[in-house]
Amino acid sequence: MKLIQSENQIASSLKNCQVLIVGAGLSGAVLAERAASAGLRVVVLEQRAHVAGNCHDHRDEHGVMVHAYGPHIFHSNRSHVVEYLSGFTDWTPYTHRVLADIDGQKVPVPFNLTSLRACFAPDQAEAMEQELLERYAWDQAVPITDLMDSDSARLQLLGDFIFTKVFRHYTLKQWGIAADQLSPEVLKRVPVVLSHDDRYFRDRFQQMPAQGYTAMVENLLSHPNIQVALGQEASRWIALDETQGEILVRQRPFNGQLVYTGPLDALFGCRLGALKYRSLQFHFEHRPDFPFQATGTVNYPNHESMTRITEFRHLTGQADVSGTTIVREYPQDYDPDDPGRNIPYYPLMNPESRTLYERYRVLAQRFEQLIVCGRLGDFRYYNMDDAVSRSLELAESLAWAPSDVEAVS
């Protein structure tokens, strides 16, 4: 990965680049690689001191590989995404399992038949299971809304129990708003799995980059046509002339394409208002003995202020260290002016935010050279394979595909 550091280096590279990318996360890195492989000169500006965005990982002072911004689990049903990324990383198989602390018991989530047996008396659980399997197919994932709206009092009781014990308080902590204020489709995605399958994800591909996400992204950005500048605020170099519909780089019209993966409201100075996000605090702790807990993640949906504890050695399979590192996760309000709260992790998907985002998207469409993408740019929650797939589709639409053009020195 070719880093450029001095102001003169960056200025010279910007003058000659054909594609300028803001953000060295997964979305930006994939588009950078595609553009570079098509023979284009690419500069990537990243405000942080590292690449890989929120999936950045590193070894802590004890040698344990940790995810700096919370756990990231790769899972996908998209074979083309896995095939593409496999050009930049080897993989370690990993099946993610999550337990939830419910009334002092650790039960699998998503809620399944094992969870049912753990939370209800044997006779009651058996009757619920029998009725579920009379109405639905074995191994079906049934939305709890179906149970809550059922004509069966027994299934209503089960749906209400899961909503109350697994979802309602967790949602209030995670999003800072009551569950009924979220988009209805969120609740519709909360399932009961009618089997004893305790995998958190049911995707065909479930694995972790063997050397970590940061190494994978560094490999994506290692094409000789790509230069990367870290610790650079985009606003220092880029401006938008809305009157002329022009992108300005160092106050001069830019003739290339600008890929922007940051918050769309920030690109326009939040002049229509600020989009709503949720932020997170992470409290890391090293402990002498592994394992600390039975699975990679244990959720705490009810009384605790945290939402979950993740133990990284479960995720990575790392065996070359002693001890273990865990992280406790605490949701919080987002505040761009507070250094402890200024990382936007999750777009707050309510009707007001959607409407405001659409207004910013209309502004962005005035600039023909501007490409907006990524979790923040698109104001959507993306799994990692979603982000990669979206970037690959964009690259294809832009005809950024590998070519025989020699790398630009």
Protein backbone atom coordinates (compact mmCIF):
# COMPACT_ATOMS: atom_id res chain seq x y z
CA MET A 1 0.00 0.00 0.00
CA LYS A 2 1.53 3.28 -1.15
CA LEU A 3 1.09 5.97 1.51
CA ILE A 4 1.50 9.65 0.74
CA GLN A 5 2.08 11.89 3.74
CA SER A 6 3.40 15.35 3.05
CA GLU A 7 1.13 18.15 1.91
CA ASN A 8 3.15 18.51 -1.29
CA GLN A 9 2.82 14.79 -2.06
CA ILE A 10 -0.91 14.85 -1.53
CA ALA A 11 -1.38 18.02 -3.57
CA SER A 12 0.66 16.62 -6.45
CA SER A 13 -1.22 13.32 -6.41
CA LEU A 14 -4.61 15.06 -6.34
CA LYS A 15 -3.61 17.17 -9.32
CA ASN A 16 -2.98 14.06 -11.41
CA CYS A 17 -5.57 11.60 -10.13
CA GLN A 18 -8.58 10.46 -12.15
CA VAL A 19 -10.59 8.99 -9.28
CA LEU A 20 -10.63 10.56 -5.83
CA ILE A 21 -12.11 8.39 -3.09
CA VAL A 22 -13.10 9.66 0.35
CA GLY A 23 -12.93 6.84 2.88
CA ALA A 24 -10.68 3.77 3.10
CA GLY A 25 -13.32 1.46 4.51
CA LEU A 26 -14.55 -1.61 2.69
CA SER A 27 -16.71 0.28 0.17
CA GLY A 28 -14.01 2.77 -0.73
CA ALA A 29 -11.27 0.13 -0.89
CA VAL A 30 -13.23 -2.08 -3.30
CA LEU A 31 -13.99 0.84 -5.61
CA ALA A 32 -10.36 1.98 -5.42
CA GLU A 33 -9.15 -1.48 -6.44
CA ARG A 34 -11.66 -1.72 -9.30
CA ALA A 35 -10.77 1.72 -10.66
CA ALA A 36 -7.04 1.04 -10.34
CA SER A 37 -7.40 -2.33 -12.07
CA ALA A 38 -9.14 -0.50 -14.93
CA GLY A 39 -5.98 1.58 -15.37
CA LEU A 40 -7.12 4.73 -13.57
CA ARG A 41 -5.00 6.79 -11.19
CA VAL A 42 -6.63 6.71 -7.74
CA VAL A 43 -6.13 8.72 -4.57
CA VAL A 44 -7.85 7.69 -1.34
CA LEU A 45 -8.31 10.23 1.48
CA GLU A 46 -8.98 8.72 4.91
CA GLN A 47 -9.60 10.84 8.00
CA ARG A 48 -8.48 8.15 10.44
CA ALA A 49 -4.89 7.05 11.01
CA HIS A 50 -5.64 3.60 9.59
CA VAL A 51 -7.53 1.89 6.78
CA ALA A 52 -10.44 -0.59 6.93
CA GLY A 53 -12.97 1.76 8.53
CA ASN A 54 -15.07 0.22 11.28
CA CYS A 55 -13.83 -3.29 10.48
CA HIS A 56 -10.27 -2.27 11.40
CA ASP A 57 -8.55 -4.87 13.56
CA HIS A 58 -5.15 -5.11 15.22
CA ARG A 59 -3.25 -6.99 17.92
CA ASP A 60 -3.62 -5.40 21.34
CA GLU A 61 -0.78 -5.07 23.84
CA HIS A 62 -1.29 -8.71 24.84
CA GLY A 63 -1.08 -9.96 21.27
CA VAL A 64 -4.81 -10.69 20.94
CA MET A 65 -6.36 -9.73 17.61
CA VAL A 66 -9.23 -7.37 18.44
CA HIS A 67 -11.79 -5.45 16.40
CA ALA A 68 -11.33 -1.81 17.36
CA TYR A 69 -14.90 -0.79 16.54
CA GLY A 70 -16.79 -3.84 17.71
CA PRO A 71 -17.20 -7.34 16.31
CA HIS A 72 -17.40 -7.83 12.56
CA ILE A 73 -18.49 -11.26 11.35
CA PHE A 74 -18.27 -12.05 7.65
CA HIS A 75 -21.21 -14.03 6.32
CA SER A 76 -22.77 -14.11 2.87
CA ASN A 77 -24.83 -16.01 0.35
CA ARG A 78 -23.17 -14.13 -2.51
CA SER A 79 -20.59 -16.39 -4.11
CA HIS A 80 -19.30 -13.58 -6.35
CA VAL A 81 -18.48 -11.44 -3.29
CA VAL A 82 -16.60 -14.29 -1.61
CA GLU A 83 -14.76 -15.09 -4.84
CA TYR A 84 -13.74 -11.45 -5.25
CA LEU A 85 -12.50 -11.02 -1.68
CA SER A 86 -10.68 -14.36 -1.82
CA GLY A 87 -8.26 -12.66 -4.21
CA PHE A 88 -7.12 -10.53 -1.27
CA THR A 89 -7.34 -12.84 1.74
CA ASP A 90 -7.33 -16.42 2.89
CA TRP A 91 -10.14 -17.47 5.19
CA THR A 92 -10.62 -19.15 8.55
CA PRO A 93 -13.96 -20.97 8.99
CA TYR A 94 -16.09 -19.50 11.77
CA THR A 95 -19.72 -20.06 12.72
CA HIS A 96 -21.07 -17.28 14.90
CA ARG A 97 -23.24 -18.25 17.85
CA VAL A 98 -24.85 -15.81 20.25
CA LEU A 99 -26.39 -16.34 23.66
CA ALA A 100 -28.73 -13.93 25.42
CA ASP A 101 -28.94 -13.50 29.16
CA ILE A 102 -32.66 -13.98 29.88
CA ASP A 103 -33.75 -14.21 33.50
CA GLY A 104 -30.29 -15.43 34.49
CA GLN A 105 -30.07 -18.12 31.80
CA LYS A 106 -27.92 -18.01 28.67
CA VAL A 107 -30.16 -19.05 25.77
CA PRO A 108 -29.50 -19.10 22.02
CA VAL A 109 -30.60 -16.21 19.83
CA PRO A 110 -32.24 -16.01 17.41
CA PHE A 111 -34.81 -17.68 19.65
CA ASN A 112 -35.19 -21.35 18.72
CA LEU A 113 -36.63 -24.56 20.15
CA THR A 114 -33.70 -24.92 22.54
CA SER A 115 -34.41 -21.39 23.81
CA LEU A 116 -38.08 -22.29 24.17
CA ARG A 117 -37.26 -25.27 26.39
CA ALA A 118 -34.94 -23.16 28.53
CA CYS A 119 -37.44 -20.34 29.14
CA PHE A 120 -40.70 -22.20 29.77
CA ALA A 121 -41.83 -25.07 31.97
CA PRO A 122 -41.57 -28.46 30.20
CA ASP A 123 -45.32 -28.97 29.66
CA GLN A 124 -45.83 -25.41 28.44
CA ALA A 125 -42.79 -25.56 26.14
CA GLU A 126 -43.92 -28.87 24.66
CA ALA A 127 -47.39 -27.50 23.92
CA MET A 128 -45.95 -24.37 22.29
CA GLU A 129 -43.54 -26.42 20.18
CA GLN A 130 -46.29 -28.77 19.05
CA GLU A 131 -48.54 -25.91 18.00
CA LEU A 132 -45.70 -24.14 16.19
CA LEU A 133 -44.85 -27.25 14.20
CA GLU A 134 -48.52 -27.84 13.35
CA ARG A 135 -48.73 -24.38 11.78
CA TYR A 136 -45.24 -23.92 10.34
CA ALA A 137 -42.54 -26.05 8.72
CA TRP A 138 -39.59 -27.50 10.56
CA ASP A 139 -36.57 -25.15 10.48
CA GLN A 140 -38.71 -22.22 9.30
CA ALA A 141 -37.79 -18.77 10.62
CA VAL A 142 -41.10 -17.30 11.76
CA PRO A 143 -41.26 -13.53 12.46
CA ILE A 144 -42.39 -12.82 16.01
CA THR A 145 -44.95 -10.40 14.58
CA ASP A 146 -46.73 -13.47 13.15
CA LEU A 147 -46.90 -14.95 16.64
CA MET A 148 -47.94 -11.70 18.31
CA ASP A 149 -50.81 -11.34 15.80
CA SER A 150 -51.79 -15.02 15.98
CA ASP A 151 -55.30 -16.23 16.81
CA SER A 152 -53.67 -18.62 19.29
CA ALA A 153 -53.35 -17.35 22.87
CA ARG A 154 -50.40 -19.70 23.40
CA LEU A 155 -48.48 -18.37 20.40
CA GLN A 156 -49.35 -14.79 21.33
CA LEU A 157 -47.82 -15.46 24.74
CA LEU A 158 -44.64 -16.75 23.11
CA GLY A 159 -44.41 -13.81 20.71
CA ASP A 160 -44.96 -11.30 23.53
CA PHE A 161 -42.36 -13.06 25.68
CA ILE A 162 -39.70 -12.85 22.97
CA PHE A 163 -40.59 -9.24 22.20
CA THR A 164 -40.32 -8.29 25.88
CA LYS A 165 -37.34 -10.39 26.94
CA VAL A 166 -35.19 -10.33 23.81
CA PHE A 167 -36.12 -7.32 21.71
CA ARG A 168 -37.86 -4.45 23.51
CA HIS A 169 -35.26 -3.37 26.08
CA TYR A 170 -32.36 -4.23 23.78
CA THR A 171 -33.89 -1.96 21.15
CA LEU A 172 -34.33 0.88 23.62
CA LYS A 173 -30.66 0.61 24.60
CA GLN A 174 -29.36 0.16 21.07
CA TRP A 175 -31.40 2.87 19.36
CA GLY A 176 -32.42 5.17 22.21
CA ILE A 177 -36.05 4.97 21.15
CA ALA A 178 -38.94 2.63 21.83
CA ALA A 179 -39.41 -0.36 19.53
CA ASP A 180 -42.70 0.98 18.13
CA GLN A 181 -40.86 4.08 16.84
CA LEU A 182 -38.60 2.03 14.59
CA SER A 183 -39.55 1.12 11.05
CA PRO A 184 -42.01 -1.83 11.15
CA GLU A 185 -39.74 -3.96 8.98
CA VAL A 186 -37.17 -4.05 11.81
CA LEU A 187 -39.50 -6.03 14.08
CA LYS A 188 -40.53 -8.26 11.18
CA ARG A 189 -36.90 -9.43 10.94
CA VAL A 190 -36.91 -10.81 14.52
CA PRO A 191 -37.47 -14.58 14.05
CA VAL A 192 -38.19 -17.74 15.94
CA VAL A 193 -36.30 -20.61 14.33
CA LEU A 194 -38.26 -23.85 14.45
CA SER A 195 -35.32 -26.17 14.99
CA HIS A 196 -32.35 -26.53 17.30
CA ASP A 197 -30.05 -24.77 14.82
CA ASP A 198 -28.25 -22.24 17.03
CA ARG A 199 -26.21 -20.50 14.34
CA TYR A 200 -26.70 -16.73 14.48
CA PHE A 201 -26.40 -16.49 10.69
CA ARG A 202 -27.70 -19.11 8.28
CA ASP A 203 -25.70 -17.96 5.26
CA ARG A 204 -23.79 -20.37 3.04
CA PHE A 205 -20.44 -18.66 3.61
CA GLN A 206 -19.37 -17.99 7.20
CA GLN A 207 -15.69 -17.22 7.71
CA MET A 208 -13.13 -14.68 8.88
CA PRO A 209 -10.14 -13.21 7.00
CA ALA A 210 -7.21 -15.34 8.10
CA GLN A 211 -4.90 -12.36 8.70
CA GLY A 212 -7.67 -9.95 9.69
CA TYR A 213 -9.79 -7.32 8.00
CA THR A 214 -7.11 -4.64 8.02
CA ALA A 215 -4.70 -6.89 6.12
CA MET A 216 -7.44 -7.69 3.60
CA VAL A 217 -8.19 -4.00 3.00
CA GLU A 218 -4.48 -3.18 2.77
CA ASN A 219 -4.23 -5.82 0.04
CA LEU A 220 -7.18 -4.24 -1.77
CA LEU A 221 -5.37 -0.89 -1.66
CA SER A 222 -1.97 -2.26 -2.71
CA HIS A 223 -2.46 -1.80 -6.45
CA PRO A 224 0.34 0.42 -7.85
CA ASN A 225 -2.24 2.84 -9.26
CA ILE A 226 -3.52 3.65 -5.75
CA GLN A 227 -2.14 6.20 -3.33
CA VAL A 228 -3.53 6.52 0.20
CA ALA A 229 -3.37 9.57 2.46
CA LEU A 230 -4.26 8.94 6.11
CA GLY A 231 -5.34 11.50 8.70
CA GLN A 232 -6.90 13.72 6.05
CA GLU A 233 -10.24 15.47 6.43
CA ALA A 234 -11.90 15.56 3.02
CA SER A 235 -13.17 19.11 3.55
CA ARG A 236 -9.57 20.32 3.63
CA TRP A 237 -9.13 19.36 -0.02
CA ILE A 238 -12.61 19.16 -1.53
CA ALA A 239 -15.47 21.64 -1.96
CA LEU A 240 -18.69 21.66 -3.95
CA ASP A 241 -19.74 24.56 -6.15
CA GLU A 242 -23.51 24.10 -6.13
CA THR A 243 -24.07 27.03 -8.48
CA GLN A 244 -21.98 25.48 -11.25
CA GLY A 245 -22.48 21.84 -10.25
CA GLU A 246 -18.72 21.45 -10.07
CA ILE A 247 -16.45 19.55 -7.71
CA LEU A 248 -13.48 21.61 -6.58
CA VAL A 249 -10.22 20.05 -5.47
CA ARG A 250 -7.83 22.56 -3.95
CA GLN A 251 -10.24 25.27 -5.18
CA ARG A 252 -9.90 24.20 -8.80
CA PRO A 253 -12.43 22.29 -10.93
CA PHE A 254 -11.86 18.55 -10.73
CA ASN A 255 -12.27 16.63 -13.98
CA GLY A 256 -12.25 13.13 -12.53
CA GLN A 257 -14.77 11.22 -10.46
CA LEU A 258 -15.30 11.68 -6.74
CA VAL A 259 -16.38 8.65 -4.71
CA TYR A 260 -17.74 9.73 -1.35
CA THR A 261 -18.37 7.16 1.40
CA GLY A 262 -18.81 9.51 4.36
CA PRO A 263 -22.00 10.98 5.88
CA LEU A 264 -23.88 12.72 3.09
CA ASP A 265 -25.09 15.57 5.29
CA ALA A 266 -21.47 16.42 6.19
CA LEU A 267 -20.58 16.78 2.50
CA PHE A 268 -23.10 19.64 2.34
CA GLY A 269 -22.19 21.18 5.69
CA CYS A 270 -25.39 19.80 7.26
CA ARG A 271 -27.16 22.84 5.87
CA LEU A 272 -30.51 21.04 5.62
CA GLY A 273 -30.13 19.62 9.11
CA ALA A 274 -28.15 16.77 10.62
CA LEU A 275 -28.93 13.13 9.90
CA LYS A 276 -29.48 11.00 12.99
CA TYR A 277 -27.10 8.24 13.99
CA ARG A 278 -26.32 6.11 17.02
CA SER A 279 -22.81 5.82 18.38
CA LEU A 280 -21.08 3.28 20.63
CA GLN A 281 -18.59 3.08 23.47
CA PHE A 282 -16.31 0.06 23.82
CA HIS A 283 -14.68 -1.03 27.05
CA PHE A 284 -11.90 -3.54 26.41
CA GLU A 285 -10.58 -5.83 29.11
CA HIS A 286 -7.85 -8.47 29.06
CA ARG A 287 -8.38 -11.49 31.26
CA PRO A 288 -5.96 -14.28 32.19
CA ASP A 289 -8.00 -17.30 31.15
CA PHE A 290 -9.67 -18.36 27.92
CA PRO A 291 -12.56 -18.79 27.49
CA PHE A 292 -14.34 -16.05 29.40
CA GLN A 293 -17.74 -17.05 27.96
CA ALA A 294 -19.17 -19.95 26.01
CA THR A 295 -19.66 -18.17 22.67
CA GLY A 296 -18.18 -15.29 20.74
CA THR A 297 -20.97 -12.93 21.79
CA VAL A 298 -23.38 -12.86 24.71
CA ASN A 299 -26.22 -10.33 24.53
CA TYR A 300 -27.62 -8.56 27.59
CA PRO A 301 -31.05 -7.40 26.42
CA ASN A 302 -32.62 -6.31 29.68
CA HIS A 303 -31.26 -4.75 32.86
CA GLU A 304 -27.57 -4.05 32.13
CA SER A 305 -26.56 -0.78 30.47
CA MET A 306 -24.39 -2.66 27.97
CA THR A 307 -25.86 -4.60 25.07
CA ARG A 308 -23.28 -7.34 24.63
CA ILE A 309 -19.88 -8.80 25.46
CA THR A 310 -17.69 -10.17 22.69
CA GLU A 311 -14.66 -12.41 23.21
CA PHE A 312 -12.38 -12.12 20.21
CA ARG A 313 -10.50 -15.40 20.39
CA HIS A 314 -13.74 -17.24 19.64
CA LEU A 315 -14.03 -15.20 16.43
CA THR A 316 -10.46 -15.44 15.20
CA GLY A 317 -9.50 -18.89 16.45
CA GLN A 318 -6.23 -17.34 17.59
CA ALA A 319 -4.13 -19.82 19.58
CA ASP A 320 -0.71 -18.15 19.69
CA VAL A 321 -1.45 -16.05 22.79
CA SER A 322 -2.28 -16.61 26.43
CA GLY A 323 -5.25 -15.02 28.08
CA THR A 324 -8.22 -13.47 26.32
CA THR A 325 -9.60 -10.03 25.48
CA ILE A 326 -13.26 -9.10 25.75
CA VAL A 327 -15.15 -5.94 24.91
CA ARG A 328 -18.31 -4.59 26.49
CA GLU A 329 -20.47 -2.53 24.16
CA TYR A 330 -22.50 0.49 25.27
CA PRO A 331 -24.79 2.31 22.80
CA GLN A 332 -25.04 6.07 23.09
CA ASP A 333 -26.28 9.17 21.34
CA TYR A 334 -24.20 10.46 18.45
CA ASP A 335 -22.67 13.93 18.77
CA PRO A 336 -20.26 15.04 16.01
CA ASP A 337 -18.76 17.65 18.34
CA ASP A 338 -17.98 15.25 21.20
CA PRO A 339 -14.79 13.16 20.69
CA GLY A 340 -16.31 10.40 22.81
CA ARG A 341 -19.49 10.21 20.71
CA ASN A 342 -18.52 11.40 17.25
CA ILE A 343 -18.35 8.09 15.37
CA PRO A 344 -21.63 7.43 13.50
CA TYR A 345 -22.12 3.66 13.68
CA TYR A 346 -25.78 3.11 12.85
CA PRO A 347 -28.11 5.31 10.79
CA LEU A 348 -31.28 5.94 12.80
CA MET A 349 -33.84 4.68 10.34
CA ASN A 350 -37.00 6.61 11.13
CA PRO A 351 -39.28 8.44 8.66
CA GLU A 352 -37.81 11.88 9.44
CA SER A 353 -34.26 10.69 8.76
CA ARG A 354 -35.27 9.00 5.53
CA THR A 355 -36.96 12.17 4.30
CA LEU A 356 -33.94 14.31 5.18
CA TYR A 357 -31.55 11.89 3.53
CA GLU A 358 -33.60 11.99 0.31
CA ARG A 359 -33.26 15.77 0.27
CA TYR A 360 -29.48 15.45 0.51
CA ARG A 361 -29.50 12.78 -2.19
CA VAL A 362 -31.28 15.19 -4.53
CA LEU A 363 -28.52 17.73 -3.88
CA ALA A 364 -25.87 15.12 -4.61
CA GLN A 365 -27.48 14.25 -7.94
CA ARG A 366 -26.66 17.73 -9.23
CA PHE A 367 -23.01 16.68 -9.48
CA GLU A 368 -22.49 14.30 -12.39
CA GLN A 369 -19.00 13.31 -11.23
CA LEU A 370 -20.10 12.47 -7.68
CA ILE A 371 -20.59 8.83 -6.67
CA VAL A 372 -22.09 8.29 -3.22
CA CYS A 373 -21.95 4.88 -1.62
CA GLY A 374 -21.23 2.94 1.56
CA ARG A 375 -23.05 2.60 4.86
CA LEU A 376 -22.82 6.32 5.64
CA GLY A 377 -23.12 7.63 2.11
CA ASP A 378 -26.20 5.54 1.39
CA PHE A 379 -27.55 5.99 4.95
CA ARG A 380 -28.27 2.29 5.24
CA TYR A 381 -27.22 -0.53 7.50
CA TYR A 382 -24.97 -2.76 5.39
CA ASN A 383 -23.52 -6.11 6.26
CA MET A 384 -20.00 -6.34 4.91
CA ASP A 385 -21.04 -8.42 1.92
CA ASP A 386 -23.74 -5.84 1.16
CA ALA A 387 -21.09 -3.11 1.06
CA VAL A 388 -18.80 -5.13 -1.20
CA SER A 389 -21.63 -6.15 -3.52
CA ARG A 390 -22.84 -2.56 -3.83
CA SER A 391 -19.32 -1.36 -4.70
CA LEU A 392 -18.82 -4.12 -7.26
CA GLU A 393 -22.13 -3.25 -8.90
CA LEU A 394 -21.16 0.42 -9.01
CA ALA A 395 -17.78 -0.42 -10.51
CA GLU A 396 -19.44 -2.51 -13.20
CA SER A 397 -21.87 0.30 -14.03
CA LEU A 398 -18.89 2.65 -14.38
CA ALA A 399 -17.02 0.14 -16.56
CA TRP A 400 -14.29 -0.16 -13.94
CA ALA A 401 -13.10 -3.64 -14.72
CA PRO A 402 -9.58 -5.07 -14.96
CA SER A 403 -7.77 -4.05 -18.13
CA ASP A 404 -4.42 -4.55 -19.76
CA VAL A 405 -3.46 -0.92 -19.13
CA GLU A 406 -0.10 -0.73 -17.46
CA ALA A 407 0.04 0.68 -13.94
CA VAL A 408 0.74 4.39 -13.78
CA SER A 409 4.03 5.07 -12.04
